[in-house]
Amino acid sequence: MTDELHQQLAKYDWAVSKANNIDRTLPEGERWALGVAAPGLAAHAPSNRTDPTCTGCPGEPWPCSMATSAMVMADSKYN
């Protein structure tokens, strides 16, 4: 596993965790962004942890643009 893939998987895991635990005390905009990110993260998950392809884009390498966008959306510094 390359360092870049390891970092991308860690970012994905963090984004999924955050999107699955939306805290009602978060600002409304952040809650909205997490609610939008969650389905994208689920639909475009990595197929495995060593040489992943996108589960939502058959045959495409992971992370696809949808997974990358969902990971960015889950990060509060961007929304």
Protein backbone atom coordinates (compact mmCIF):
# COMPACT_ATOMS: atom_id res chain seq x y z
CA MET A 1 0.00 0.00 0.00
CA THR A 2 1.38 3.37 -0.99
CA ASP A 3 1.53 6.26 1.48
CA GLU A 4 -0.95 8.17 -0.68
CA LEU A 5 -3.47 5.30 -0.63
CA HIS A 6 -3.00 4.92 3.13
CA GLN A 7 -3.76 8.65 3.58
CA GLN A 8 -6.81 8.47 1.29
CA LEU A 9 -8.21 5.46 3.16
CA ALA A 10 -7.63 7.22 6.50
CA LYS A 11 -9.43 10.33 5.20
CA TYR A 12 -12.29 8.17 3.93
CA ASP A 13 -12.60 6.37 7.28
CA TRP A 14 -12.62 9.71 9.10
CA ALA A 15 -15.27 11.15 6.74
CA VAL A 16 -17.51 8.07 7.11
CA SER A 17 -17.22 8.22 10.88
CA LYS A 18 -18.08 11.92 10.94
CA ALA A 19 -20.98 11.53 8.48
CA ASN A 20 -22.43 8.63 10.47
CA ASN A 21 -22.32 10.56 13.75
CA ILE A 22 -23.93 13.88 12.93
CA ASP A 23 -24.11 15.86 16.16
CA ARG A 24 -27.19 18.05 16.58
CA THR A 25 -24.99 20.74 18.15
CA LEU A 26 -23.09 21.27 14.88
CA PRO A 27 -23.98 24.34 12.84
CA GLU A 28 -26.82 23.74 10.39
CA GLY A 29 -24.56 24.13 7.34
CA GLU A 30 -22.16 21.49 8.60
CA ARG A 31 -25.00 19.07 9.38
CA TRP A 32 -26.38 19.63 5.88
CA ALA A 33 -22.97 19.00 4.28
CA LEU A 34 -22.52 15.77 6.25
CA GLY A 35 -26.00 14.65 5.25
CA VAL A 36 -25.12 15.20 1.60
CA ALA A 37 -21.69 13.55 1.93
CA ALA A 38 -22.92 10.36 3.63
CA PRO A 39 -24.71 8.79 0.61
CA GLY A 40 -21.76 9.59 -1.66
CA LEU A 41 -19.34 7.99 0.75
CA ALA A 42 -21.52 4.88 0.98
CA ALA A 43 -22.11 4.60 -2.77
CA HIS A 44 -18.47 5.12 -3.74
CA ALA A 45 -16.67 3.05 -1.10
CA PRO A 46 -13.36 1.31 -1.78
CA SER A 47 -13.73 -2.32 -2.85
CA ASN A 48 -10.84 -3.42 -0.61
CA ARG A 49 -7.97 -1.96 1.41
CA THR A 50 -4.99 -3.01 -0.72
CA ASP A 51 -5.80 -2.27 -4.38
CA PRO A 52 -9.27 -0.69 -4.31
CA THR A 53 -11.64 0.06 -7.14
CA CYS A 54 -14.76 2.19 -6.69
CA THR A 55 -17.86 0.22 -5.76
CA GLY A 56 -20.06 2.90 -7.35
CA CYS A 57 -18.10 3.23 -10.60
CA PRO A 58 -17.41 -0.33 -11.79
CA GLY A 59 -13.86 -0.77 -13.01
CA GLU A 60 -12.75 2.71 -11.96
CA PRO A 61 -9.90 3.18 -9.51
CA TRP A 62 -10.69 4.43 -6.02
CA PRO A 63 -11.04 7.19 -4.98
CA CYS A 64 -13.22 8.35 -7.82
CA SER A 65 -14.19 12.02 -8.14
CA MET A 66 -17.48 11.39 -6.30
CA ALA A 67 -15.69 9.79 -3.32
CA THR A 68 -13.15 12.61 -3.26
CA SER A 69 -15.90 15.24 -3.36
CA ALA A 70 -17.81 13.51 -0.55
CA MET A 71 -14.65 13.36 1.60
CA VAL A 72 -14.08 17.08 1.06
CA MET A 73 -17.73 17.86 1.86
CA ALA A 74 -17.44 15.98 5.16
CA ASP A 75 -14.56 18.23 6.24
CA SER A 76 -15.94 21.24 8.11
CA LYS A 77 -13.09 23.51 7.00
CA TYR A 78 -14.51 23.37 3.47
CA ASN A 79 -18.20 23.98 4.22
